[in-house]
C-alpha atoms as a PDB file:
ATOM      1  CA  MET A   1      -7.373   9.762 -21.772  1.00  0.00           C
ATOM      2  CA  ALA A   2      -6.804  10.127 -17.475  1.00  0.00           C
ATOM      3  CA  PRO A   3      -4.408   6.496 -16.787  1.00  0.00           C
ATOM      4  CA  ASP A   4      -5.996   4.202 -14.625  1.00  0.00           C
ATOM      5  CA  HIS A   5      -5.137   3.270 -11.372  1.00  0.00           C
ATOM      6  CA  GLU A   6      -5.957   0.903  -9.737  1.00  0.00           C
ATOM      7  CA  ILE A   7      -5.780   1.555  -5.186  1.00  0.00           C
ATOM      8  CA  LEU A   8      -6.559  -1.318  -3.420  1.00  0.00           C
ATOM      9  CA  ILE A   9      -5.960  -1.073   0.420  1.00  0.00           C
ATOM     10  CA  THR A  10      -5.279  -3.410   3.190  1.00  0.00           C
ATOM     11  CA  ILE A  11      -6.259  -1.758   6.730  1.00  0.00           C
ATOM     12  CA  ASP A  12      -5.301  -4.697   9.673  1.00  0.00           C
ATOM     13  CA  GLU A  13      -8.605  -4.379  11.950  1.00  0.00           C
ATOM     14  CA  ARG A  14      -6.143  -3.235  14.531  1.00  0.00           C
ATOM     15  CA  PHE A  15      -5.739   0.309  12.553  1.00  0.00           C
ATOM     16  CA  VAL A  16      -8.495   0.337  11.518  1.00  0.00           C
ATOM     17  CA  SER A  17      -9.464   3.605  13.691  1.00  0.00           C
ATOM     18  CA  ASP A  18      -6.030   4.900  13.350  1.00  0.00           C
ATOM     19  CA  VAL A  19      -6.361   5.281   9.399  1.00  0.00           C
ATOM     20  CA  ALA A  20      -8.799   6.347   7.093  1.00  0.00           C
ATOM     21  CA  GLU A  21      -9.093   4.225   3.755  1.00  0.00           C
ATOM     22  CA  GLU A  22     -10.806   6.838   1.307  1.00  0.00           C
ATOM     23  CA  TRP A  23      -7.677   9.570   2.852  1.00  0.00           C
ATOM     24  CA  LEU A  24      -5.051   7.138   2.560  1.00  0.00           C
ATOM     25  CA  ALA A  25      -6.161   5.990  -1.469  1.00  0.00           C
ATOM     26  CA  ALA A  26      -6.908   9.904  -2.614  1.00  0.00           C
ATOM     27  CA  ILE A  27      -3.511  10.564  -1.276  1.00  0.00           C
ATOM     28  CA  ALA A  28      -1.619   7.506  -2.733  1.00  0.00           C
ATOM     29  CA  ARG A  29      -4.071   8.245  -6.519  1.00  0.00           C
ATOM     30  CA  HIS A  30      -2.624  12.347  -6.424  1.00  0.00           C
ATOM     31  CA  VAL A  31       1.305  11.450  -6.032  1.00  0.00           C
ATOM     32  CA  LEU A  32       0.601   8.183  -9.287  1.00  0.00           C
ATOM     33  CA  GLU A  33      -1.497  11.145 -11.329  1.00  0.00           C
ATOM     34  CA  VAL A  34       2.111  13.987  -9.709  1.00  0.00           C
ATOM     35  CA  GLU A  35       4.534  11.153 -10.429  1.00  0.00           C
ATOM     36  CA  ARG A  36       2.851  11.184 -14.127  1.00  0.00           C
ATOM     37  CA  VAL A  37       2.423   7.227 -13.090  1.00  0.00           C
ATOM     38  CA  GLY A  38       0.702   4.843 -16.161  1.00  0.00           C
ATOM     39  CA  ASP A  39      -1.957   2.354 -15.844  1.00  0.00           C
ATOM     40  CA  CYS A  40      -0.849   0.468 -12.725  1.00  0.00           C
ATOM     41  CA  GLU A  41      -2.468  -1.269  -9.504  1.00  0.00           C
ATOM     42  CA  LEU A  42      -1.222  -0.368  -6.259  1.00  0.00           C
ATOM     43  CA  GLY A  43      -1.411  -2.378  -3.013  1.00  0.00           C
ATOM     44  CA  ILE A  44      -1.535  -0.392   0.168  1.00  0.00           C
ATOM     45  CA  VAL A  45      -1.255  -2.959   3.478  1.00  0.00           C
ATOM     46  CA  ILE A  46      -1.202  -0.873   6.584  1.00  0.00           C
ATOM     47  CA  THR A  47      -0.551  -3.855   9.272  1.00  0.00           C
ATOM     48  CA  ASP A  48       2.080  -4.519  12.212  1.00  0.00           C
ATOM     49  CA  ASP A  49       5.362  -5.452  12.089  1.00  0.00           C
ATOM     50  CA  GLU A  50       5.593  -8.973  12.253  1.00  0.00           C
ATOM     51  CA  THR A  51       3.285  -9.905   9.160  1.00  0.00           C
ATOM     52  CA  VAL A  52       5.604  -6.803   7.011  1.00  0.00           C
ATOM     53  CA  ARG A  53       8.650  -9.549   8.065  1.00  0.00           C
ATOM     54  CA  ARG A  54       5.851 -12.819   7.182  1.00  0.00           C
ATOM     55  CA  LEU A  55       5.462 -10.925   3.630  1.00  0.00           C
ATOM     56  CA  ASN A  56       8.904  -9.900   2.843  1.00  0.00           C
ATOM     57  CA  ARG A  57      10.329 -13.145   4.259  1.00  0.00           C
ATOM     58  CA  GLU A  58       6.809 -14.527   1.185  1.00  0.00           C
ATOM     59  CA  TYR A  59       7.808 -12.305  -1.557  1.00  0.00           C
ATOM     60  CA  ALA A  60      11.718 -10.941  -1.605  1.00  0.00           C
ATOM     61  CA  GLY A  61      13.024 -13.572   0.303  1.00  0.00           C
ATOM     62  CA  ASP A  62      14.323 -10.880   3.572  1.00  0.00           C
ATOM     63  CA  ASP A  63      13.359 -12.178   6.792  1.00  0.00           C
ATOM     64  CA  HIS A  64      13.677  -8.213   8.309  1.00  0.00           C
ATOM     65  CA  SER A  65      10.642  -5.815   8.581  1.00  0.00           C
ATOM     66  CA  THR A  66      10.582  -3.538   5.562  1.00  0.00           C
ATOM     67  CA  ASP A  67       8.518  -0.435   4.828  1.00  0.00           C
ATOM     68  CA  VAL A  68       7.867  -0.897   1.064  1.00  0.00           C
ATOM     69  CA  LEU A  69       7.939  -4.155  -0.893  1.00  0.00           C
END
């Protein structure tokens, strides 16, 4: 049985025309399969540096921008 990969994608409205959600989900699913990741939930957020900094501060306690939370 294939693993259950739930992929949640949020794209800030300013970037909707720059990134195709279906394309991004397909790439993420492929990487999870190639890496043989079991059942999981993956969240991808496409947004600006300030929003990432706020999320990083809120969830990780680090007050800086990053590319992975």
